[in-house]
Amino acid sequence: MKHYCSLNEYYHKKFGKKVYRLAISGGMTCPNRDGTLGDRGCIFCSAGGSGEFAASAALSVTEQLEQAKQKVSAKTSDNLYIAYFQPFTNTYADVGTLRQLYEEAIAPDDIVGLAIGTRPDCLPPDVIALLSEINAKKPVTVELGLQTIHEKTAAYIRRGYPLSVYEDAVKALHDAGIEIVTHVILGLPGETEEMMLETVSYVGRLTDGIKLQLLHVIEGTDLADEYRRGAFETLTLEEYAHILCRCIEILPEDAVICRLTGDGDKRTLIAPLWSADKKRVLNFINRTLDENNIRQGSLAE
């Protein structure tokens, strides 16, 4: 029997109850969009910077948090929350601006931690120092968008930095006592199952948690143009569930698996369309895990 630790389980163990993540926006852009590295973004990245479910950056952080809380308030009362800066690159600003945003986000008593999505090439020493300072007040997790360890794929998706930059960022964050979650996309064009497993195995050795994300083809991206001209096919649900099982099998049992798939915006999702039926997808994945003797519970044992 193989056990794995889910994010819900990790939060419950750490904070003593269920914790909800509130997706908010810091109103930042990305060096892959503002002309520093490029102006088209990563090939798969949507116009919303992969943060379509975050609150509007036109609101203050406090207003965004309150709006996001209202969406989960009907589920239960007396909640705890993680403030999650999700869209684009949330360390891509001067330290003064970042300090103001982060301090405002952790100010409410019911916010028990901070999660920050960013790029590993946007973590200079002064930002690392700020994150360490915030981490001394409330736990900080930095989420790094790696996607793949394979340089040919990284060039194709226009990631914009070599693997060594990611490795340096991981070391700097860990030296500062900050937990790291790494994003990996399964099903990138040209990648075999073994290539995906190589990425997952590598990430499992370096970081505290991993987000496994199905490749979504979203309207308005360059990836959508590639898909329409027949350059690649997306994974079937059966293929994806099989690869997930293999990924979990090779990850350390103390690695937190923060996501087994992901939600694409149904209004702009082109492929795979099966991924829009979240209930069916999760039921199929859980059934497949069960058939392969894979269970949640590594921290609860």
Foldseek 3Di string as FASTA:
>chain_A
DAAAAAPQNVCCVVPVHGEAEAEAALPDAECCCPVVQHNAAFQQADPQQPRPPFDDNVDALVVSVVVSCVVCPVVDPPHAYEYEHDHHALLQDDPVSSLVRLCVNCVDPSHQYYEGEHALVRCDPVNLVSQLVSCVVHAYEYEHEDQFQDVVLCVVRVVRDHPVSVVVSLVSNVVSVHAYEYEHEPFRPPDDLVRSLVRLLVVLVRGQEYEYEYRWHFPPGNVVVCVVVPRGDGDDLVRLLVSLLVSSVNHDRRRHHHYSYDADDQVTTDPDPVVNPPVVSVVVSVVSCVVVVYYYDSPPD
